[in-house]
């Protein structure tokens, strides 16, 4: 079982092997591949820093505790009809994304995210909506 915060549910959709540091990318890649290969993997939704935040580099601002990150977590969980403390499998999260999310939602919910400029999150949502699942990361 993995412990994840709300906004990382969307970050996983747009993940293309880029990240804040080598260690962060390796950690995200492991989780991403696990969910892609085993969609029945359980996810516990938590408040605050999660297993991906653990590998955020210790250089500069630690944004994982910023209020706007908590607001983004809450907005994404609300959009998906989920709550902190719930446990569900990744394929159920993908199903909720298919039902409740449009690629254009990224422009509203993630408007301040530095990764939004790459357009990969919209692509990731579209692929989930089309039933393709998580994209393979090389």
N, C-alpha and C. Protein backbone atom coordinates (compact mmCIF):
# COMPACT_ATOMS: atom_id res chain seq x y z
N UNK A 1 0.85 -1.18 0.00
CA UNK A 1 0.00 0.00 0.00
C UNK A 1 0.90 1.24 0.00
N UNK A 2 0.48 2.22 -0.76
CA UNK A 2 1.18 3.50 -0.83
C UNK A 2 0.33 4.57 -0.18
N UNK A 3 1.00 5.52 0.45
CA UNK A 3 0.33 6.67 1.04
C UNK A 3 0.58 7.85 0.12
N UNK A 4 -0.52 8.43 -0.39
CA UNK A 4 -0.40 9.55 -1.31
C UNK A 4 -1.32 10.70 -0.90
N UNK A 5 -0.85 11.90 -1.18
CA UNK A 5 -1.68 13.09 -0.98
C UNK A 5 -2.43 13.37 -2.28
N UNK A 6 -3.43 14.22 -2.20
CA UNK A 6 -4.33 14.45 -3.32
C UNK A 6 -3.69 14.86 -4.63
N UNK A 7 -2.82 15.86 -4.62
CA UNK A 7 -2.33 16.36 -5.90
C UNK A 7 -1.40 15.38 -6.61
N UNK A 8 -0.80 14.47 -5.88
CA UNK A 8 0.06 13.49 -6.52
C UNK A 8 -0.72 12.50 -7.38
N UNK A 9 -2.03 12.40 -7.15
CA UNK A 9 -2.86 11.56 -8.03
C UNK A 9 -2.84 12.11 -9.45
N UNK A 10 -2.80 13.44 -9.60
CA UNK A 10 -2.69 14.05 -10.92
C UNK A 10 -1.25 14.06 -11.41
N UNK A 11 -0.30 14.30 -10.52
CA UNK A 11 1.12 14.33 -10.92
C UNK A 11 1.53 13.00 -11.56
N UNK A 12 1.03 11.92 -11.05
CA UNK A 12 1.36 10.61 -11.60
C UNK A 12 0.89 10.47 -13.05
N UNK A 13 -0.21 11.13 -13.40
CA UNK A 13 -0.74 11.04 -14.76
C UNK A 13 0.18 11.72 -15.76
N UNK A 14 0.80 12.80 -15.34
CA UNK A 14 1.67 13.56 -16.24
C UNK A 14 3.14 13.20 -16.13
N UNK A 15 3.47 12.27 -15.27
CA UNK A 15 4.89 11.95 -15.06
C UNK A 15 5.51 11.38 -16.32
N UNK A 16 6.63 11.98 -16.73
CA UNK A 16 7.35 11.55 -17.93
C UNK A 16 8.84 11.37 -17.66
N UNK A 17 9.18 11.14 -16.39
CA UNK A 17 10.58 10.91 -16.05
C UNK A 17 11.34 12.16 -15.68
N UNK A 18 10.64 13.27 -15.54
CA UNK A 18 11.28 14.51 -15.10
C UNK A 18 10.96 14.72 -13.63
N UNK A 19 11.83 15.47 -12.94
CA UNK A 19 11.56 15.72 -11.54
C UNK A 19 12.56 16.66 -10.92
N UNK A 20 12.47 16.79 -9.61
CA UNK A 20 13.26 17.75 -8.87
C UNK A 20 14.70 17.31 -8.64
N UNK A 21 14.95 16.02 -8.66
CA UNK A 21 16.29 15.47 -8.45
C UNK A 21 16.30 14.02 -8.95
N UNK A 22 17.49 13.47 -9.07
CA UNK A 22 17.61 12.07 -9.52
C UNK A 22 16.88 11.14 -8.55
N UNK A 23 17.07 11.35 -7.25
CA UNK A 23 16.43 10.50 -6.24
C UNK A 23 14.90 10.63 -6.30
N UNK A 24 14.42 11.84 -6.50
CA UNK A 24 12.97 12.06 -6.62
C UNK A 24 12.42 11.32 -7.84
N UNK A 25 13.10 11.45 -8.97
CA UNK A 25 12.65 10.80 -10.21
C UNK A 25 12.65 9.28 -10.05
N UNK A 26 13.69 8.73 -9.44
CA UNK A 26 13.75 7.27 -9.23
C UNK A 26 12.58 6.80 -8.37
N UNK A 27 12.28 7.53 -7.31
CA UNK A 27 11.18 7.18 -6.42
C UNK A 27 9.83 7.26 -7.16
N UNK A 28 9.64 8.34 -7.89
CA UNK A 28 8.39 8.52 -8.65
C UNK A 28 8.26 7.45 -9.72
N UNK A 29 9.36 7.12 -10.37
CA UNK A 29 9.34 6.09 -11.42
C UNK A 29 8.94 4.74 -10.84
N UNK A 30 9.49 4.39 -9.68
CA UNK A 30 9.13 3.11 -9.04
C UNK A 30 7.64 3.04 -8.76
N UNK A 31 7.11 4.10 -8.16
CA UNK A 31 5.68 4.13 -7.84
C UNK A 31 4.84 4.09 -9.11
N UNK A 32 5.19 4.90 -10.08
CA UNK A 32 4.46 4.98 -11.34
C UNK A 32 4.41 3.61 -12.02
N UNK A 33 5.55 2.93 -12.10
CA UNK A 33 5.60 1.61 -12.73
C UNK A 33 4.79 0.59 -11.96
N UNK A 34 4.83 0.67 -10.64
CA UNK A 34 4.04 -0.25 -9.82
C UNK A 34 2.55 -0.09 -10.10
N UNK A 35 2.09 1.15 -10.16
CA UNK A 35 0.67 1.40 -10.42
C UNK A 35 0.29 1.01 -11.84
N UNK A 36 1.18 1.27 -12.78
CA UNK A 36 0.92 0.93 -14.19
C UNK A 36 0.82 -0.59 -14.36
N UNK A 37 1.73 -1.31 -13.72
CA UNK A 37 1.79 -2.77 -13.88
C UNK A 37 0.82 -3.51 -12.97
N UNK A 38 0.45 -2.90 -11.86
CA UNK A 38 -0.43 -3.53 -10.87
C UNK A 38 -1.52 -2.55 -10.45
N UNK A 39 -2.52 -2.33 -11.29
CA UNK A 39 -3.54 -1.33 -10.99
C UNK A 39 -4.41 -1.64 -9.77
N UNK A 40 -4.28 -2.82 -9.21
CA UNK A 40 -5.01 -3.14 -7.98
C UNK A 40 -4.22 -2.73 -6.73
N UNK A 41 -3.07 -2.10 -6.92
CA UNK A 41 -2.27 -1.60 -5.80
C UNK A 41 -3.10 -0.62 -4.98
N UNK A 42 -3.06 -0.80 -3.66
CA UNK A 42 -3.85 0.04 -2.76
C UNK A 42 -3.16 1.37 -2.49
N UNK A 43 -4.00 2.41 -2.40
CA UNK A 43 -3.55 3.76 -2.10
C UNK A 43 -4.33 4.25 -0.89
N UNK A 44 -3.62 4.70 0.13
CA UNK A 44 -4.22 5.36 1.29
C UNK A 44 -4.05 6.86 1.07
N UNK A 45 -5.15 7.59 1.05
CA UNK A 45 -5.11 9.03 0.85
C UNK A 45 -4.81 9.72 2.17
N UNK A 46 -3.75 10.50 2.18
CA UNK A 46 -3.33 11.15 3.43
C UNK A 46 -3.29 12.66 3.26
N UNK A 47 -3.22 13.35 4.38
CA UNK A 47 -3.07 14.80 4.38
C UNK A 47 -1.58 15.11 4.58
N UNK A 48 -1.06 15.99 3.78
CA UNK A 48 0.32 16.42 3.95
C UNK A 48 1.32 15.55 3.23
N UNK A 49 2.61 15.75 3.55
CA UNK A 49 3.68 15.05 2.85
C UNK A 49 3.50 13.53 2.84
N UNK A 50 3.78 12.96 1.67
CA UNK A 50 3.58 11.52 1.47
C UNK A 50 4.88 10.84 1.05
N UNK A 51 4.76 9.65 0.50
CA UNK A 51 5.94 8.89 0.11
C UNK A 51 6.69 9.49 -1.07
N UNK A 52 6.06 10.33 -1.84
CA UNK A 52 6.77 11.04 -2.90
C UNK A 52 7.49 12.26 -2.33
N UNK A 53 6.86 12.94 -1.40
CA UNK A 53 7.49 14.10 -0.76
C UNK A 53 8.77 13.71 -0.01
N UNK A 54 8.83 12.47 0.45
CA UNK A 54 10.01 12.02 1.20
C UNK A 54 11.30 12.20 0.41
N UNK A 55 11.21 12.17 -0.90
CA UNK A 55 12.41 12.27 -1.73
C UNK A 55 12.57 13.65 -2.36
N UNK A 56 11.75 14.61 -1.92
CA UNK A 56 11.92 15.97 -2.42
C UNK A 56 13.28 16.47 -1.96
N UNK A 57 14.08 17.07 -2.84
CA UNK A 57 15.45 17.44 -2.47
C UNK A 57 15.50 18.47 -1.35
N UNK A 58 16.49 18.31 -0.52
CA UNK A 58 16.69 19.20 0.63
C UNK A 58 17.52 20.40 0.20
N UNK A 59 16.98 21.14 -0.76
CA UNK A 59 17.67 22.34 -1.24
C UNK A 59 16.62 23.40 -1.56
N UNK A 60 16.69 24.51 -0.88
CA UNK A 60 15.73 25.57 -1.12
C UNK A 60 14.44 25.35 -0.36
N UNK A 61 13.35 25.88 -0.90
CA UNK A 61 12.05 25.81 -0.23
C UNK A 61 11.46 24.41 -0.30
N UNK A 62 10.94 23.96 0.82
CA UNK A 62 10.25 22.67 0.89
C UNK A 62 8.77 22.96 0.70
N UNK A 63 8.32 22.94 -0.55
CA UNK A 63 6.95 23.36 -0.86
C UNK A 63 5.88 22.37 -0.40
N UNK A 64 6.26 21.20 0.05
CA UNK A 64 5.30 20.17 0.42
C UNK A 64 4.43 20.57 1.61
N UNK A 65 4.83 21.58 2.35
CA UNK A 65 4.05 22.05 3.50
C UNK A 65 3.34 23.37 3.22
N UNK A 66 3.44 23.90 2.00
CA UNK A 66 2.81 25.18 1.66
C UNK A 66 1.29 25.05 1.62
N UNK A 67 0.61 26.10 2.05
CA UNK A 67 -0.85 26.09 2.07
C UNK A 67 -1.44 25.85 0.69
N UNK A 68 -0.84 26.43 -0.36
CA UNK A 68 -1.43 26.24 -1.70
C UNK A 68 -1.34 24.80 -2.16
N UNK A 69 -0.38 24.03 -1.64
CA UNK A 69 -0.28 22.60 -1.97
C UNK A 69 -1.42 21.86 -1.28
N UNK A 70 -1.70 22.20 -0.02
CA UNK A 70 -2.82 21.58 0.70
C UNK A 70 -4.14 21.91 0.01
N UNK A 71 -4.26 23.14 -0.50
CA UNK A 71 -5.47 23.54 -1.22
C UNK A 71 -5.63 22.74 -2.50
N UNK A 72 -4.53 22.50 -3.20
CA UNK A 72 -4.57 21.70 -4.43
C UNK A 72 -4.94 20.25 -4.10
N UNK A 73 -4.38 19.71 -3.02
CA UNK A 73 -4.75 18.35 -2.57
C UNK A 73 -6.25 18.26 -2.37
N UNK A 74 -6.80 19.22 -1.63
CA UNK A 74 -8.23 19.22 -1.30
C UNK A 74 -9.08 19.36 -2.56
N UNK A 75 -8.67 20.22 -3.48
CA UNK A 75 -9.45 20.43 -4.71
C UNK A 75 -9.50 19.16 -5.55
N UNK A 76 -8.39 18.46 -5.63
CA UNK A 76 -8.35 17.23 -6.43
C UNK A 76 -9.17 16.13 -5.77
N UNK A 77 -9.06 15.99 -4.47
CA UNK A 77 -9.87 14.97 -3.78
C UNK A 77 -11.36 15.28 -3.93
N UNK A 78 -11.71 16.54 -3.81
CA UNK A 78 -13.11 16.94 -3.98
C UNK A 78 -13.58 16.61 -5.40
N UNK A 79 -12.78 16.95 -6.38
CA UNK A 79 -13.12 16.68 -7.78
C UNK A 79 -13.39 15.19 -8.01
N UNK A 80 -12.62 14.35 -7.32
CA UNK A 80 -12.75 12.90 -7.49
C UNK A 80 -13.75 12.27 -6.52
N UNK A 81 -14.33 13.07 -5.63
CA UNK A 81 -15.28 12.54 -4.66
C UNK A 81 -14.61 11.66 -3.62
N UNK A 82 -13.40 12.02 -3.25
CA UNK A 82 -12.63 11.22 -2.29
C UNK A 82 -12.33 12.04 -1.03
N UNK A 83 -11.91 11.33 0.05
CA UNK A 83 -11.59 11.97 1.32
C UNK A 83 -10.30 11.42 1.88
N UNK A 84 -9.63 12.25 2.65
CA UNK A 84 -8.43 11.82 3.37
C UNK A 84 -8.82 10.66 4.28
N UNK A 85 -7.98 9.65 4.31
CA UNK A 85 -8.23 8.47 5.13
C UNK A 85 -8.83 7.31 4.36
N UNK A 86 -9.31 7.57 3.15
CA UNK A 86 -9.86 6.48 2.33
C UNK A 86 -8.73 5.65 1.73
N UNK A 87 -9.02 4.37 1.55
CA UNK A 87 -8.10 3.46 0.87
C UNK A 87 -8.84 2.88 -0.32
N UNK A 88 -8.21 2.95 -1.48
CA UNK A 88 -8.79 2.34 -2.69
C UNK A 88 -7.66 1.97 -3.63
N UNK A 89 -7.97 1.12 -4.58
CA UNK A 89 -6.93 0.68 -5.51
C UNK A 89 -6.77 1.70 -6.63
N UNK A 90 -5.59 1.68 -7.26
CA UNK A 90 -5.28 2.64 -8.31
C UNK A 90 -6.31 2.59 -9.45
N UNK A 91 -6.77 1.41 -9.83
CA UNK A 91 -7.73 1.34 -10.93
C UNK A 91 -9.04 2.04 -10.58
N UNK A 92 -9.40 2.09 -9.30
CA UNK A 92 -10.60 2.84 -8.89
C UNK A 92 -10.36 4.34 -9.00
N UNK A 93 -9.14 4.77 -8.72
CA UNK A 93 -8.79 6.18 -8.90
C UNK A 93 -8.86 6.53 -10.38
N UNK A 94 -8.32 5.67 -11.23
CA UNK A 94 -8.39 5.91 -12.68
C UNK A 94 -9.85 5.98 -13.14
N UNK A 95 -10.69 5.13 -12.60
CA UNK A 95 -12.10 5.14 -12.95
C UNK A 95 -12.76 6.46 -12.57
N UNK A 96 -12.42 6.98 -11.42
CA UNK A 96 -12.97 8.27 -10.99
C UNK A 96 -12.46 9.40 -11.88
N UNK A 97 -11.21 9.32 -12.28
CA UNK A 97 -10.66 10.33 -13.20
C UNK A 97 -11.43 10.29 -14.51
N UNK A 98 -11.70 9.09 -15.02
CA UNK A 98 -12.47 8.96 -16.26
C UNK A 98 -13.84 9.61 -16.14
N UNK A 99 -14.48 9.46 -14.99
CA UNK A 99 -15.84 9.97 -14.80
C UNK A 99 -15.90 11.46 -14.49
N UNK A 100 -14.93 11.97 -13.75
CA UNK A 100 -15.08 13.31 -13.18
C UNK A 100 -14.10 14.37 -13.67
N UNK A 101 -13.10 13.99 -14.46
CA UNK A 101 -12.04 14.94 -14.80
C UNK A 101 -11.94 15.14 -16.30
N UNK A 102 -11.69 16.36 -16.69
CA UNK A 102 -11.41 16.73 -18.08
C UNK A 102 -9.98 17.27 -18.12
N UNK A 103 -9.28 17.11 -19.23
CA UNK A 103 -7.92 17.66 -19.31
C UNK A 103 -7.85 19.15 -18.97
N UNK A 104 -8.86 19.90 -19.32
CA UNK A 104 -8.87 21.34 -19.06
C UNK A 104 -8.93 21.68 -17.56
N UNK A 105 -9.30 20.71 -16.72
CA UNK A 105 -9.33 20.95 -15.28
C UNK A 105 -7.94 21.30 -14.74
N UNK A 106 -6.90 20.86 -15.41
CA UNK A 106 -5.52 21.15 -14.99
C UNK A 106 -5.30 22.66 -14.96
N UNK A 107 -5.86 23.38 -15.91
CA UNK A 107 -5.66 24.83 -15.99
C UNK A 107 -6.26 25.57 -14.79
N UNK A 108 -7.24 24.96 -14.15
CA UNK A 108 -7.88 25.58 -12.99
C UNK A 108 -7.25 25.07 -11.70
N UNK A 109 -7.25 23.75 -11.52
CA UNK A 109 -6.79 23.16 -10.26
C UNK A 109 -5.28 23.33 -10.08
N UNK A 110 -4.54 23.22 -11.16
CA UNK A 110 -3.07 23.25 -11.08
C UNK A 110 -2.49 24.52 -11.70
N UNK A 111 -3.24 25.61 -11.65
CA UNK A 111 -2.85 26.84 -12.35
C UNK A 111 -1.49 27.38 -11.92
N UNK A 112 -1.05 27.12 -10.69
CA UNK A 112 0.22 27.65 -10.20
C UNK A 112 1.36 26.64 -10.24
N UNK A 113 1.13 25.48 -10.82
CA UNK A 113 2.16 24.44 -10.83
C UNK A 113 3.19 24.72 -11.93
N UNK A 114 4.46 24.63 -11.57
CA UNK A 114 5.53 24.89 -12.53
C UNK A 114 5.61 23.83 -13.63
N UNK A 115 5.05 22.66 -13.39
CA UNK A 115 5.09 21.58 -14.38
C UNK A 115 4.00 21.71 -15.44
N UNK A 116 3.01 22.55 -15.19
CA UNK A 116 1.87 22.69 -16.10
C UNK A 116 2.29 23.14 -17.48
N UNK A 117 3.35 23.92 -17.57
CA UNK A 117 3.80 24.46 -18.86
C UNK A 117 4.17 23.38 -19.87
N UNK A 118 4.45 22.18 -19.42
CA UNK A 118 4.85 21.10 -20.33
C UNK A 118 3.66 20.43 -21.02
N UNK A 119 2.46 20.59 -20.48
CA UNK A 119 1.26 20.01 -21.09
C UNK A 119 1.10 18.52 -20.89
N UNK A 120 1.98 17.90 -20.12
CA UNK A 120 1.94 16.44 -19.97
C UNK A 120 0.80 15.97 -19.06
N UNK A 121 0.36 16.82 -18.16
CA UNK A 121 -0.72 16.41 -17.26
C UNK A 121 -2.04 16.31 -18.02
N UNK A 122 -2.28 17.27 -18.92
CA UNK A 122 -3.48 17.20 -19.75
C UNK A 122 -3.45 15.93 -20.60
N UNK A 123 -2.29 15.62 -21.17
CA UNK A 123 -2.14 14.39 -21.96
C UNK A 123 -2.42 13.17 -21.10
N UNK A 124 -1.89 13.17 -19.90
CA UNK A 124 -2.09 12.03 -19.00
C UNK A 124 -3.55 11.83 -18.65
N UNK A 125 -4.25 12.92 -18.39
CA UNK A 125 -5.69 12.81 -18.09
C UNK A 125 -6.42 12.28 -19.31
N UNK A 126 -6.10 12.81 -20.49
CA UNK A 126 -6.77 12.36 -21.71
C UNK A 126 -6.56 10.86 -21.93
N UNK A 127 -5.36 10.38 -21.66
CA UNK A 127 -5.08 8.95 -21.83
C UNK A 127 -5.87 8.11 -20.84
N UNK A 128 -6.05 8.59 -19.62
CA UNK A 128 -6.87 7.88 -18.64
C UNK A 128 -8.32 7.89 -19.09
N UNK A 129 -8.81 9.05 -19.54
CA UNK A 129 -10.19 9.16 -20.02
C UNK A 129 -10.44 8.18 -21.16
N UNK A 130 -9.44 7.99 -22.02
CA UNK A 130 -9.56 7.07 -23.14
C UNK A 130 -9.34 5.62 -22.75
N UNK A 131 -9.07 5.37 -21.47
CA UNK A 131 -8.89 3.99 -20.98
C UNK A 131 -7.52 3.40 -21.24
N UNK A 132 -6.54 4.24 -21.53
CA UNK A 132 -5.20 3.75 -21.85
C UNK A 132 -4.34 3.49 -20.62
N UNK A 133 -4.73 4.02 -19.46
CA UNK A 133 -3.95 3.85 -18.26
C UNK A 133 -2.74 4.76 -18.25
N UNK A 134 -1.85 4.51 -17.30
CA UNK A 134 -0.64 5.32 -17.18
C UNK A 134 0.30 5.01 -18.34
N UNK A 135 0.91 6.05 -18.87
CA UNK A 135 1.87 5.91 -19.96
C UNK A 135 3.16 5.27 -19.45
N UNK A 136 3.79 4.46 -20.26
CA UNK A 136 5.06 3.86 -19.88
C UNK A 136 6.13 4.94 -19.83
N UNK A 137 6.91 4.93 -18.75
CA UNK A 137 8.01 5.88 -18.59
C UNK A 137 9.31 5.13 -18.82
N UNK A 138 10.12 5.70 -19.68
CA UNK A 138 11.41 5.04 -20.00
C UNK A 138 12.55 5.68 -19.27
